[in-house]
C-alpha atoms as a PDB file:
ATOM      1  CA  MET A   1    -165.276 120.971 110.633  1.00  0.00           C
ATOM      2  CA  ARG A   2    -164.476 123.595 112.507  1.00  0.00           C
ATOM      3  CA  LYS A   3    -160.901 125.197 112.903  1.00  0.00           C
ATOM      4  CA  ASP A   4    -159.425 123.597 115.814  1.00  0.00           C
ATOM      5  CA  GLU A   5    -160.182 119.939 113.875  1.00  0.00           C
ATOM      6  CA  CYS A   6    -158.502 121.543 110.866  1.00  0.00           C
ATOM      7  CA  ASN A   7    -155.269 121.942 112.389  1.00  0.00           C
ATOM      8  CA  ALA A   8    -155.255 118.937 114.202  1.00  0.00           C
ATOM      9  CA  GLU A   9    -156.080 117.519 110.470  1.00  0.00           C
ATOM     10  CA  GLN A  10    -153.109 119.911 109.033  1.00  0.00           C
ATOM     11  CA  VAL A  11    -150.385 118.655 111.934  1.00  0.00           C
ATOM     12  CA  ARG A  12    -151.247 114.949 111.125  1.00  0.00           C
ATOM     13  CA  LEU A  13    -151.103 115.142 107.674  1.00  0.00           C
ATOM     14  CA  ASP A  14    -147.449 117.010 108.354  1.00  0.00           C
ATOM     15  CA  ALA A  15    -146.038 114.289 110.166  1.00  0.00           C
ATOM     16  CA  PRO A  16    -147.064 110.783 108.559  1.00  0.00           C
ATOM     17  CA  THR A  17    -146.784 107.213 110.211  1.00  0.00           C
ATOM     18  CA  ALA A  18    -145.124 104.428 108.820  1.00  0.00           C
ATOM     19  CA  ASN A  19    -148.089 103.298 107.304  1.00  0.00           C
ATOM     20  CA  GLU A  20    -149.362 106.294 106.221  1.00  0.00           C
ATOM     21  CA  VAL A  21    -148.433 108.378 102.913  1.00  0.00           C
ATOM     22  CA  PRO A  22    -148.225 111.884 102.247  1.00  0.00           C
ATOM     23  CA  PHE A  23    -149.497 112.083  99.189  1.00  0.00           C
ATOM     24  CA  VAL A  24    -150.966 110.081  96.194  1.00  0.00           C
ATOM     25  CA  ILE A  25    -149.578 109.375  92.633  1.00  0.00           C
ATOM     26  CA  GLU A  26    -152.087 109.472  90.423  1.00  0.00           C
ATOM     27  CA  GLU A  27    -152.382 108.842  86.625  1.00  0.00           C
ATOM     28  CA  PRO A  28    -151.457 111.570  84.351  1.00  0.00           C
ATOM     29  CA  VAL A  29    -154.976 113.659  83.556  1.00  0.00           C
ATOM     30  CA  SER A  30    -155.506 114.965  80.080  1.00  0.00           C
ATOM     31  CA  GLU A  31    -155.856 118.786  79.738  1.00  0.00           C
ATOM     32  CA  GLU A  32    -159.522 118.949  79.753  1.00  0.00           C
ATOM     33  CA  GLU A  33    -159.572 117.224  83.188  1.00  0.00           C
ATOM     34  CA  ALA A  34    -156.472 119.432  84.293  1.00  0.00           C
ATOM     35  CA  VAL A  35    -158.884 122.287  83.837  1.00  0.00           C
ATOM     36  CA  ALA A  36    -162.032 121.054  85.608  1.00  0.00           C
ATOM     37  CA  LEU A  37    -159.622 120.050  88.423  1.00  0.00           C
ATOM     38  CA  ALA A  38    -158.631 123.441  88.263  1.00  0.00           C
ATOM     39  CA  ASP A  39    -161.421 124.950  88.310  1.00  0.00           C
ATOM     40  CA  VAL A  40    -162.697 122.679  91.329  1.00  0.00           C
ATOM     41  CA  THR A  41    -159.423 123.290  93.462  1.00  0.00           C
ATOM     42  CA  ALA A  42    -159.829 126.903  92.840  1.00  0.00           C
ATOM     43  CA  SER A  43    -163.339 126.848  94.343  1.00  0.00           C
ATOM     44  CA  ALA A  44    -162.532 124.796  97.114  1.00  0.00           C
ATOM     45  CA  SER A  45    -159.399 127.047  98.482  1.00  0.00           C
ATOM     46  CA  GLU A  46    -161.738 129.653  98.859  1.00  0.00           C
ATOM     47  CA  ALA A  47    -163.603 127.526 101.222  1.00  0.00           C
ATOM     48  CA  ASP A  48    -162.244 127.958 104.893  1.00  0.00           C
ATOM     49  CA  ASP A  49    -163.614 124.502 106.067  1.00  0.00           C
ATOM     50  CA  ILE A  50    -161.694 122.467 103.998  1.00  0.00           C
ATOM     51  CA  PRO A  51    -158.481 120.623 105.363  1.00  0.00           C
ATOM     52  CA  PHE A  52    -154.923 120.898 102.906  1.00  0.00           C
ATOM     53  CA  ALA A  53    -152.232 119.153 103.480  1.00  0.00           C
ATOM     54  CA  LYS A  54    -148.571 120.625 103.168  1.00  0.00           C
ATOM     55  CA  THR A  55    -146.280 118.551 101.415  1.00  0.00           C
ATOM     56  CA  GLN A  56    -142.570 118.635 101.167  1.00  0.00           C
ATOM     57  CA  GLU A  57    -141.273 120.096  98.003  1.00  0.00           C
ATOM     58  CA  ALA A  58    -138.283 117.872  96.363  1.00  0.00           C
ATOM     59  CA  PRO A  59    -135.053 119.908  96.904  1.00  0.00           C
ATOM     60  CA  SER A  60    -133.495 121.811  94.020  1.00  0.00           C
ATOM     61  CA  PRO A  61    -130.532 119.992  92.091  1.00  0.00           C
ATOM     62  CA  ALA A  62    -128.406 122.926  93.868  1.00  0.00           C
ATOM     63  CA  GLU A  63    -129.227 121.612  96.922  1.00  0.00           C
ATOM     64  CA  GLU A  64    -128.817 118.195  96.871  1.00  0.00           C
ATOM     65  CA  LYS A  65    -125.554 116.619  98.172  1.00  0.00           C
ATOM     66  CA  PRO A  66    -123.349 115.271  95.955  1.00  0.00           C
ATOM     67  CA  ARG A  67    -123.503 111.256  96.117  1.00  0.00           C
ATOM     68  CA  SER A  68    -120.326 109.123  96.703  1.00  0.00           C
ATOM     69  CA  ALA A  69    -119.097 106.665  94.000  1.00  0.00           C
ATOM     70  CA  TRP A  70    -119.705 104.072  96.225  1.00  0.00           C
ATOM     71  CA  ARG A  71    -123.404 104.822  96.555  1.00  0.00           C
ATOM     72  CA  ILE A  72    -123.816 105.679  92.738  1.00  0.00           C
ATOM     73  CA  LEU A  73    -122.318 102.163  91.565  1.00  0.00           C
ATOM     74  CA  SER A  74    -124.598 100.106  94.494  1.00  0.00           C
ATOM     75  CA  SER A  75    -127.387 102.449  93.799  1.00  0.00           C
ATOM     76  CA  GLU A  76    -130.462 100.445  92.707  1.00  0.00           C
ATOM     77  CA  ASP A  77    -131.015 102.479  89.821  1.00  0.00           C
ATOM     78  CA  LEU A  78    -128.197 100.420  88.175  1.00  0.00           C
ATOM     79  CA  PRO A  79    -129.382  97.061  86.721  1.00  0.00           C
ATOM     80  CA  GLN A  80    -128.834  93.985  88.583  1.00  0.00           C
ATOM     81  CA  VAL A  81    -127.106  91.549  86.707  1.00  0.00           C
ATOM     82  CA  SER A  82    -127.123  87.685  87.523  1.00  0.00           C
ATOM     83  CA  LEU A  83    -124.175  85.147  87.083  1.00  0.00           C
ATOM     84  CA  ARG A  84    -126.742  83.005  85.277  1.00  0.00           C
ATOM     85  CA  GLU A  85    -127.603  85.919  82.577  1.00  0.00           C
ATOM     86  CA  ILE A  86    -123.703  86.531  82.379  1.00  0.00           C
ATOM     87  CA  LEU A  87    -122.995  82.999  81.631  1.00  0.00           C
ATOM     88  CA  GLY A  88    -125.603  82.613  79.398  1.00  0.00           C
ATOM     89  CA  GLY A  89    -124.890  85.083  77.178  1.00  0.00           C
ATOM     90  CA  ASP A  90    -127.719  87.489  77.967  1.00  0.00           C
ATOM     91  CA  TYR A  91    -125.645  89.798  79.314  1.00  0.00           C
ATOM     92  CA  LEU A  92    -123.486  90.043  75.761  1.00  0.00           C
ATOM     93  CA  LEU A  93    -126.548  91.330  74.093  1.00  0.00           C
ATOM     94  CA  GLY A  94    -127.144  93.843  76.804  1.00  0.00           C
ATOM     95  CA  SER A  95    -127.375  98.179  75.475  1.00  0.00           C
ATOM     96  CA  PHE A  96    -124.451  98.631  78.016  1.00  0.00           C
ATOM     97  CA  LEU A  97    -121.971  96.029  76.410  1.00  0.00           C
ATOM     98  CA  ARG A  98    -123.055  96.916  72.506  1.00  0.00           C
ATOM     99  CA  ASN A  99    -122.705 101.075  73.190  1.00  0.00           C
ATOM    100  CA  ASN A 100    -118.965 100.120  74.758  1.00  0.00           C
ATOM    101  CA  ILE A 101    -117.605  97.418  72.654  1.00  0.00           C
ATOM    102  CA  GLY A 102    -115.031  99.836  71.304  1.00  0.00           C
ATOM    103  CA  PHE A 103    -113.513 100.822  74.740  1.00  0.00           C
ATOM    104  CA  ILE A 104    -113.831  97.497  76.068  1.00  0.00           C
ATOM    105  CA  LEU A 105    -111.971  96.192  72.618  1.00  0.00           C
ATOM    106  CA  THR A 106    -109.416  99.146  73.044  1.00  0.00           C
ATOM    107  CA  LEU A 107    -108.842  97.721  77.329  1.00  0.00           C
ATOM    108  CA  VAL A 108    -108.509  94.374  75.802  1.00  0.00           C
ATOM    109  CA  LEU A 109    -105.654  95.244  73.191  1.00  0.00           C
ATOM    110  CA  MET A 110    -103.660  97.456  75.686  1.00  0.00           C
ATOM    111  CA  GLY A 111    -103.694  94.536  78.139  1.00  0.00           C
ATOM    112  CA  ILE A 112    -102.124  92.285  75.764  1.00  0.00           C
ATOM    113  CA  VAL A 113     -99.610  94.967  74.703  1.00  0.00           C
ATOM    114  CA  TYR A 114     -98.758  94.861  78.004  1.00  0.00           C
ATOM    115  CA  ILE A 115     -98.290  91.696  79.040  1.00  0.00           C
ATOM    116  CA  SER A 116     -96.254  91.220  75.554  1.00  0.00           C
ATOM    117  CA  ASN A 117     -94.165  94.210  76.664  1.00  0.00           C
ATOM    118  CA  ARG A 118     -93.204  92.573  80.120  1.00  0.00           C
ATOM    119  CA  TYR A 119     -93.279  88.951  79.379  1.00  0.00           C
ATOM    120  CA  GLY A 120     -89.993  90.521  76.226  1.00  0.00           C
ATOM    121  CA  ALA A 121     -88.664  92.465  78.662  1.00  0.00           C
ATOM    122  CA  GLN A 122     -88.661  89.494  81.349  1.00  0.00           C
ATOM    123  CA  GLN A 123     -87.001  87.447  78.390  1.00  0.00           C
ATOM    124  CA  GLU A 124     -84.223  90.361  78.333  1.00  0.00           C
ATOM    125  CA  ILE A 125     -83.577  90.319  81.701  1.00  0.00           C
ATOM    126  CA  ILE A 126     -82.587  86.682  81.918  1.00  0.00           C
ATOM    127  CA  GLU A 127     -80.444  86.534  78.632  1.00  0.00           C
ATOM    128  CA  GLU A 128     -78.173  89.812  80.377  1.00  0.00           C
ATOM    129  CA  GLU A 129     -78.034  87.975  83.755  1.00  0.00           C
ATOM    130  CA  ASN A 130     -76.887  84.730  81.303  1.00  0.00           C
ATOM    131  CA  LEU A 131     -74.845  86.868  79.275  1.00  0.00           C
ATOM    132  CA  ARG A 132     -73.154  88.567  82.699  1.00  0.00           C
ATOM    133  CA  LYS A 133     -72.341  85.045  84.501  1.00  0.00           C
ATOM    134  CA  GLU A 134     -70.742  83.966  81.416  1.00  0.00           C
ATOM    135  CA  LEU A 135     -68.377  87.114  81.004  1.00  0.00           C
ATOM    136  CA  VAL A 136     -67.326  86.626  84.338  1.00  0.00           C
ATOM    137  CA  GLU A 137     -66.328  82.758  83.780  1.00  0.00           C
ATOM    138  CA  LYS A 138     -64.679  84.186  80.691  1.00  0.00           C
ATOM    139  CA  LYS A 139     -62.701  86.821  82.898  1.00  0.00           C
ATOM    140  CA  ASN A 140     -62.036  83.933  85.662  1.00  0.00           C
ATOM    141  CA  TYR A 141     -60.480  82.080  82.804  1.00  0.00           C
ATOM    142  CA  ALA A 142     -58.767  84.549  81.581  1.00  0.00           C
ATOM    143  CA  LEU A 143     -57.230  85.673  85.237  1.00  0.00           C
ATOM    144  CA  THR A 144     -56.372  81.952  85.833  1.00  0.00           C
ATOM    145  CA  GLN A 145     -54.243  81.411  82.071  1.00  0.00           C
ATOM    146  CA  TYR A 146     -52.458  84.841  82.598  1.00  0.00           C
ATOM    147  CA  ALA A 147     -51.637  84.295  86.100  1.00  0.00           C
ATOM    148  CA  LEU A 148     -49.876  80.346  84.801  1.00  0.00           C
ATOM    149  CA  LEU A 149     -48.149  81.867  81.699  1.00  0.00           C
ATOM    150  CA  THR A 150     -46.815  84.531  84.557  1.00  0.00           C
ATOM    151  CA  GLN A 151     -45.332  82.030  86.302  1.00  0.00           C
ATOM    152  CA  ARG A 152     -43.982  79.403  83.596  1.00  0.00           C
ATOM    153  CA  SER A 153     -42.173  82.812  81.712  1.00  0.00           C
ATOM    154  CA  ARG A 154     -40.036  83.517  84.937  1.00  0.00           C
ATOM    155  CA  GLN A 155     -36.341  82.529  85.038  1.00  0.00           C
ATOM    156  CA  SER A 156     -36.335  80.151  87.496  1.00  0.00           C
ATOM    157  CA  SER A 157     -39.434  78.031  86.026  1.00  0.00           C
ATOM    158  CA  LEU A 158     -37.266  77.944  82.794  1.00  0.00           C
ATOM    159  CA  GLU A 159     -34.542  77.017  84.312  1.00  0.00           C
ATOM    160  CA  GLN A 160     -35.838  73.927  86.025  1.00  0.00           C
ATOM    161  CA  ARG A 161     -37.980  72.795  83.431  1.00  0.00           C
ATOM    162  CA  LEU A 162     -34.938  72.564  81.193  1.00  0.00           C
ATOM    163  CA  TYR A 163     -32.758  70.629  84.172  1.00  0.00           C
ATOM    164  CA  GLN A 164     -35.821  68.416  84.193  1.00  0.00           C
ATOM    165  CA  LEU A 165     -35.301  67.614  80.530  1.00  0.00           C
ATOM    166  CA  GLN A 166     -31.950  66.872  80.827  1.00  0.00           C
ATOM    167  CA  ASP A 167     -31.275  67.058  76.845  1.00  0.00           C
ATOM    168  CA  SER A 168     -31.088  71.192  76.292  1.00  0.00           C
ATOM    169  CA  THR A 169     -27.393  72.082  76.138  1.00  0.00           C
ATOM    170  CA  LEU A 170     -28.826  75.617  77.624  1.00  0.00           C
ATOM    171  CA  LYS A 171     -27.452  76.591  80.849  1.00  0.00           C
ATOM    172  CA  ALA A 172     -27.703  79.898  82.928  1.00  0.00           C
ATOM    173  CA  SER A 173     -25.111  82.274  82.889  1.00  0.00           C
ATOM    174  CA  THR A 174     -22.506  82.586  85.672  1.00  0.00           C
ATOM    175  CA  GLU A 175     -21.661  85.611  84.584  1.00  0.00           C
ATOM    176  CA  PRO A 176     -23.578  88.753  85.257  1.00  0.00           C
ATOM    177  CA  PRO A 177     -25.009  91.269  82.235  1.00  0.00           C
ATOM    178  CA  PHE A 178     -23.155  93.770  80.833  1.00  0.00           C
ATOM    179  CA  ILE A 179     -23.763  96.783  79.060  1.00  0.00           C
ATOM    180  CA  ILE A 180     -22.682  96.979  75.087  1.00  0.00           C
ATOM    181  CA  PHE A 181     -21.911 100.856  74.290  1.00  0.00           C
ATOM    182  CA  ARG A 182     -21.860 101.492  70.222  1.00  0.00           C
ATOM    183  CA  LYS A 183     -19.463 103.968  68.348  1.00  0.00           C
END
C-alpha cells in the first residue's frame, strides 16, 4: 500500500459510518497468546505500510460529567421489573428486597406510628371542639339564670308577686328608711 492510501484508510477509520464499528470486542486471550500477539504487533508497527486505527480513549472518571438523579434512576443498567413479577411474588425474592428488608420494615413502622399519631391528634381536636361547645352552652345557661334571678330579686318585682298572692300581709313601707345610731 502507498502512504496516501494509508492516510485515506486512517481517515476512514477515524470517522466510521453508522453501520461500521470502530473496534471489535474479542474474547480475552491467555498469557501465551498475549505474548505472541505483542511480538506480532511490535514487528507490525515497525513496518510503514501497515495502516493502524486510532481508537477513542474512554474518558477518565474525573472527566465524566455527573449524571443527574433522573438519568441514574431511568438508566438501562437498573433491572427492569414487570408488574407480573411483582404480583407473582418474584420481586419479593430479589436481592434488593432481601438486602434492604430492615430499612423497609423501619419505614413501615414509622408510617404506622405517623398515622396513629395523626389519628390520635384528630380525636383530641374533635373532643376539644365538643368541650368548647358544651362550655359555651353552660355559660349561656348560667348568664340566663343570673339575669332571671336579678330580675326576680328586684324590689318592684317582689312587691308585684306579693300583691298577686293576696295571702301575704307584707306591704311596702311608706316611710323612708332611717339610720339608727348606737351610743
